[in-house]
Amino acid sequence: MTVIDFEAFIDRLAAISGEALLPFFRTALGVENKATTLAFDPVTEADRAAEMAMRRLIHANFPDHGIVGEEFGDVNPEAEYVWVLDPIDGTKSFIAGLPIWGTLIALQHNGTPVFGMMHQPYIRESFTGDGDGARFRGPTGQRTLATRPCAALREATLFTTSPLLMNEADRAAFARIESTVRLSRYGGDCYAYCMLAAGHIDLVIETELKPYDIAALVPIITGAGGLITTWDGRPPQQGGRIIAAGDRRVHDEAMKLLATARLAL
């Protein structure tokens, strides 16, 4: 099967996850803390309901496919086709009633993300990509996504979810980038990457990401003409320290500055 053969099914996954999530959004929602340290890593009944709904649909239609998900672990992760699911990327925003969260759905073929979707059911927006192209669909219509040119780091708009999520060394390296760019903003989770693909921002830098945090976003960013790697230039789909840029010149400059900053520590 080709990626095109799966696109209608991915729309079904997005629809069923949205149906599971929306009854919980902006309600008196119970929240558990998954963290084993002093950190706060929330999970809700909404996360679990949406992921379970997607898993059931995948298993019913493609029983030989693997599944990697945030809430219920891995099933057959070495399969030729593997679905990587994050039912709510941005759970902290979800429980705060802010609509800057989304459902991430990736399809991997032999370990490489070949299709990704970020779906936001509350405001009815979807961002999709297959590595060769990327598209937006929402209340304002449909359009092709393309990153914007940015000649230098000093002209860039930078996003990260929060520097407080970084360890001390990574936070110091990030601060070197932040002091160089034109504008730095916090928050956004998956939405920051989609805004990069849409040409509204130029750079996203984060750490400690899991595969389900990033796999769906890779073909969206590359399909829109951007570049996404780890801090040491490796493929990003396994997570870790991630840098995404709309323009290769900004990516290269930021990579050099990150490496220099970490060597100086």
Protein backbone atom coordinates (compact mmCIF):
# COMPACT_ATOMS: atom_id res chain seq x y z
CA MET A 1 0.00 0.00 0.00
CA THR A 2 1.07 3.60 -0.58
CA VAL A 3 0.70 6.53 1.77
CA ILE A 4 -2.23 7.76 -0.31
CA ASP A 5 -4.09 4.53 0.50
CA PHE A 6 -3.92 5.41 4.21
CA GLU A 7 -4.98 9.07 4.06
CA ALA A 8 -8.72 8.46 4.34
CA PHE A 9 -8.11 6.10 7.24
CA ILE A 10 -5.99 8.71 9.03
CA ASP A 11 -8.90 11.13 8.71
CA ARG A 12 -11.07 8.49 10.42
CA LEU A 13 -8.51 8.22 13.23
CA ALA A 14 -8.55 11.99 13.68
CA ALA A 15 -12.35 12.08 13.73
CA ILE A 16 -12.71 9.30 16.30
CA SER A 17 -10.05 10.80 18.56
CA GLY A 18 -11.77 14.18 18.40
CA GLU A 19 -15.11 12.59 19.33
CA ALA A 20 -13.44 11.08 22.40
CA LEU A 21 -11.65 14.28 23.43
CA LEU A 22 -14.13 17.11 23.01
CA PRO A 23 -16.59 16.06 25.76
CA PHE A 24 -13.72 16.48 28.24
CA PHE A 25 -12.30 19.82 27.05
CA ARG A 26 -13.06 22.79 29.35
CA THR A 27 -14.80 20.59 31.89
CA ALA A 28 -14.01 19.68 35.51
CA LEU A 29 -11.50 17.07 34.38
CA GLY A 30 -9.66 14.71 36.73
CA VAL A 31 -5.88 14.84 36.28
CA GLU A 32 -3.24 12.32 37.32
CA ASN A 33 0.50 12.98 37.56
CA LYS A 34 2.59 10.33 35.73
CA ALA A 35 5.90 11.81 36.89
CA THR A 36 7.99 9.85 39.38
CA THR A 37 9.96 12.96 40.40
CA LEU A 38 8.97 16.48 41.47
CA ALA A 39 8.04 17.27 37.84
CA PHE A 40 4.41 17.47 36.69
CA ASP A 41 3.52 15.14 33.81
CA PRO A 42 -0.28 15.09 33.62
CA VAL A 43 -2.53 12.48 32.05
CA THR A 44 -6.31 12.57 31.88
CA GLU A 45 -9.19 10.27 31.10
CA ALA A 46 -9.43 12.13 27.79
CA ASP A 47 -5.88 11.07 26.77
CA ARG A 48 -6.65 7.44 27.48
CA ALA A 49 -10.08 7.45 25.83
CA ALA A 50 -8.78 8.98 22.61
CA GLU A 51 -5.77 6.71 22.32
CA MET A 52 -7.84 3.60 23.02
CA ALA A 53 -10.35 4.61 20.36
CA MET A 54 -7.57 4.99 17.79
CA ARG A 55 -5.93 1.71 18.79
CA ARG A 56 -9.19 -0.20 18.37
CA LEU A 57 -9.73 1.25 14.90
CA ILE A 58 -6.18 0.45 13.80
CA HIS A 59 -6.35 -3.10 15.12
CA ALA A 60 -9.72 -3.71 13.43
CA ASN A 61 -8.44 -2.52 10.04
CA PHE A 62 -4.72 -3.36 10.10
CA PRO A 63 -4.14 -6.13 12.67
CA ASP A 64 -0.56 -6.70 11.46
CA HIS A 65 0.49 -3.09 11.99
CA GLY A 66 2.44 -1.96 15.03
CA ILE A 67 1.39 0.76 17.43
CA VAL A 68 3.53 3.07 19.56
CA GLY A 69 1.47 5.25 21.89
CA GLU A 70 2.00 7.50 24.86
CA GLU A 71 -0.57 5.99 27.20
CA PHE A 72 -0.62 2.24 26.51
CA GLY A 73 2.85 1.29 25.32
CA ASP A 74 4.08 -0.49 22.23
CA VAL A 75 2.52 -3.30 20.20
CA ASN A 76 4.60 -4.97 17.48
CA PRO A 77 6.94 -1.94 17.11
CA GLU A 78 9.17 -3.81 14.61
CA ALA A 79 6.35 -4.20 12.07
CA GLU A 80 6.72 -2.85 8.53
CA TYR A 81 4.02 -0.26 9.24
CA VAL A 82 3.81 1.30 12.69
CA TRP A 83 1.36 3.94 13.95
CA VAL A 84 2.78 6.45 16.44
CA LEU A 85 0.06 8.14 18.52
CA ASP A 86 -0.10 11.01 20.96
CA PRO A 87 -3.76 11.61 21.80
CA ILE A 88 -3.11 15.02 23.39
CA ASP A 89 0.18 16.72 22.72
CA GLY A 90 -0.09 19.68 25.05
CA THR A 91 -2.00 18.10 27.94
CA LYS A 92 -1.02 20.99 30.23
CA SER A 93 -2.73 23.42 27.85
CA PHE A 94 -5.71 21.04 27.56
CA ILE A 95 -6.29 20.97 31.32
CA ALA A 96 -5.87 24.76 31.45
CA GLY A 97 -8.63 25.21 28.84
CA LEU A 98 -6.27 26.62 26.18
CA PRO A 99 -6.75 25.32 22.62
CA ILE A 100 -3.03 25.03 21.82
CA TRP A 101 -2.94 21.23 21.87
CA GLY A 102 -3.46 18.61 19.23
CA THR A 103 -3.66 14.91 18.44
CA LEU A 104 -0.54 13.60 16.70
CA ILE A 105 -0.87 10.66 14.31
CA ALA A 106 2.14 9.30 12.43
CA LEU A 107 2.49 6.39 10.05
CA GLN A 108 5.98 4.93 9.88
CA HIS A 109 7.21 2.58 7.16
CA ASN A 110 10.28 0.57 8.11
CA GLY A 111 11.05 3.07 10.86
CA THR A 112 10.67 6.25 8.79
CA PRO A 113 7.70 8.61 9.24
CA VAL A 114 5.97 8.74 5.84
CA PHE A 115 2.80 10.58 6.86
CA GLY A 116 1.89 12.80 9.77
CA MET A 117 -1.14 14.69 11.01
CA MET A 118 -1.69 17.21 13.78
CA HIS A 119 -5.42 17.48 14.39
CA GLN A 120 -7.07 20.09 16.63
CA PRO A 121 -10.76 19.15 16.87
CA TYR A 122 -11.88 22.10 19.00
CA ILE A 123 -10.92 24.72 16.41
CA ARG A 124 -11.22 22.20 13.55
CA GLU A 125 -7.73 22.52 12.14
CA SER A 126 -5.54 19.81 10.62
CA PHE A 127 -1.94 19.97 9.44
CA THR A 128 -0.72 17.05 7.33
CA GLY A 129 2.44 16.12 5.48
CA ASP A 130 4.10 13.25 3.66
CA GLY A 131 7.64 14.61 3.35
CA ASP A 132 7.07 15.77 -0.23
CA GLY A 133 4.31 18.25 0.58
CA ALA A 134 2.28 19.60 3.48
CA ARG A 135 -1.25 20.94 3.76
CA PHE A 136 -3.55 22.86 6.09
CA ARG A 137 -7.29 22.28 6.41
CA GLY A 138 -9.59 24.31 8.64
CA PRO A 139 -12.56 26.67 8.87
CA THR A 140 -10.78 29.13 6.56
CA GLY A 141 -10.37 26.50 3.85
CA GLN A 142 -7.39 24.51 2.58
CA ARG A 143 -3.93 25.56 1.48
CA THR A 144 -0.45 24.27 0.86
CA LEU A 145 2.03 24.83 3.68
CA ALA A 146 5.45 26.34 3.08
CA THR A 147 8.10 27.57 5.47
CA ARG A 148 9.35 31.12 5.07
CA PRO A 149 12.88 32.22 4.18
CA CYS A 150 15.00 33.60 7.01
CA ALA A 151 18.56 34.56 6.23
CA ALA A 152 20.05 34.67 9.72
CA LEU A 153 19.41 33.72 13.33
CA ARG A 154 19.22 37.37 14.37
CA GLU A 155 16.11 37.72 12.16
CA ALA A 156 14.38 34.59 13.47
CA THR A 157 11.36 33.99 15.68
CA LEU A 158 12.07 31.15 18.12
CA PHE A 159 9.68 28.92 20.06
CA THR A 160 10.10 26.35 22.79
CA THR A 161 7.46 24.88 25.07
CA SER A 162 9.43 25.92 28.16
CA PRO A 163 13.14 26.20 29.04
CA LEU A 164 12.19 24.83 32.46
CA LEU A 165 11.77 21.43 30.80
CA MET A 166 15.49 21.43 29.90
CA ASN A 167 18.36 20.33 32.10
CA GLU A 168 20.84 22.96 33.24
CA ALA A 169 23.36 22.41 30.44
CA ASP A 170 20.73 22.39 27.69
CA ARG A 171 19.04 25.46 29.15
CA ALA A 172 22.34 27.35 29.06
CA ALA A 173 22.88 26.36 25.43
CA PHE A 174 19.33 27.37 24.56
CA ALA A 175 19.91 30.75 26.23
CA ARG A 176 22.69 31.46 23.73
CA ILE A 177 20.22 31.00 20.89
CA GLU A 178 17.53 32.98 22.66
CA SER A 179 19.84 35.95 23.17
CA THR A 180 20.59 36.01 19.43
CA VAL A 181 17.15 35.75 17.82
CA ARG A 182 14.81 38.65 17.12
CA LEU A 183 11.88 37.22 19.09
CA SER A 184 11.50 34.31 21.51
CA ARG A 185 8.20 32.90 22.73
CA TYR A 186 7.20 29.99 24.99
CA GLY A 187 4.36 27.48 24.72
CA GLY A 188 2.70 25.81 21.80
CA ASP A 189 3.87 22.19 21.98
CA CYS A 190 2.94 20.65 18.60
CA TYR A 191 1.39 23.91 17.41
CA ALA A 192 4.79 25.60 17.31
CA TYR A 193 6.03 23.08 14.75
CA CYS A 194 2.90 23.53 12.65
CA MET A 195 3.30 27.31 12.72
CA LEU A 196 6.84 26.81 11.50
CA ALA A 197 5.51 24.69 8.62
CA ALA A 198 2.93 27.40 7.89
CA GLY A 199 5.63 30.09 7.64
CA HIS A 200 4.78 32.08 10.78
CA ILE A 201 7.87 31.27 12.86
CA ASP A 202 11.41 30.21 12.02
CA LEU A 203 12.87 27.98 14.70
CA VAL A 204 11.76 25.47 17.36
CA ILE A 205 14.23 24.05 19.88
CA GLU A 206 13.27 21.46 22.50
CA THR A 207 14.69 18.59 24.56
CA GLU A 208 13.60 15.31 26.13
CA LEU A 209 10.99 14.56 23.47
CA LYS A 210 9.61 11.05 23.01
CA PRO A 211 8.94 9.42 19.61
CA TYR A 212 5.20 10.10 19.92
CA ASP A 213 5.94 13.81 20.51
CA ILE A 214 7.71 14.29 17.19
CA ALA A 215 7.15 11.50 14.63
CA ALA A 216 3.96 13.01 13.16
CA LEU A 217 5.56 16.44 12.85
CA VAL A 218 8.58 15.30 10.83
CA PRO A 219 6.82 14.79 7.45
CA ILE A 220 4.80 17.98 8.00
CA ILE A 221 7.92 20.11 8.45
CA THR A 222 9.96 18.46 5.71
CA GLY A 223 6.95 18.50 3.39
CA ALA A 224 6.66 22.26 3.93
CA GLY A 225 10.33 22.76 3.02
CA GLY A 226 11.77 22.86 6.52
CA LEU A 227 14.52 20.92 8.26
CA ILE A 228 14.25 18.94 11.49
CA THR A 229 17.01 16.98 13.24
CA THR A 230 18.39 16.23 16.67
CA TRP A 231 20.91 18.69 18.12
CA ASP A 232 23.70 16.50 16.76
CA GLY A 233 22.21 16.22 13.28
CA ARG A 234 20.63 12.77 13.47
CA PRO A 235 17.12 11.83 12.25
CA PRO A 236 14.58 13.13 14.77
CA GLN A 237 11.86 10.48 14.88
CA GLN A 238 13.15 8.82 18.06
CA GLY A 239 12.96 12.13 19.93
CA GLY A 240 15.53 13.58 22.29
CA ARG A 241 16.93 17.06 21.70
CA ILE A 242 15.16 18.47 18.63
CA ILE A 243 15.80 21.49 16.42
CA ALA A 244 13.44 22.44 13.58
CA ALA A 245 13.92 25.37 11.22
CA GLY A 246 12.14 26.72 8.20
CA ASP A 247 15.37 27.81 6.51
CA ARG A 248 18.57 25.75 6.36
CA ARG A 249 20.67 28.85 7.05
CA VAL A 250 18.98 29.31 10.42
CA HIS A 251 19.26 25.61 11.21
CA ASP A 252 22.99 25.58 10.45
CA GLU A 253 23.70 28.73 12.45
CA ALA A 254 21.69 27.51 15.44
CA MET A 255 23.38 24.09 15.34
CA LYS A 256 26.83 25.70 15.45
CA LEU A 257 25.86 27.94 18.34
CA LEU A 258 24.35 25.05 20.31
CA ALA A 259 27.51 22.98 19.83
CA THR A 260 29.78 25.87 20.83
CA ALA A 261 27.69 26.64 23.90
CA ARG A 262 27.72 23.05 25.13
CA LEU A 263 31.49 22.73 24.63
CA ALA A 264 31.98 25.87 26.71
CA LEU A 265 30.16 24.41 29.71
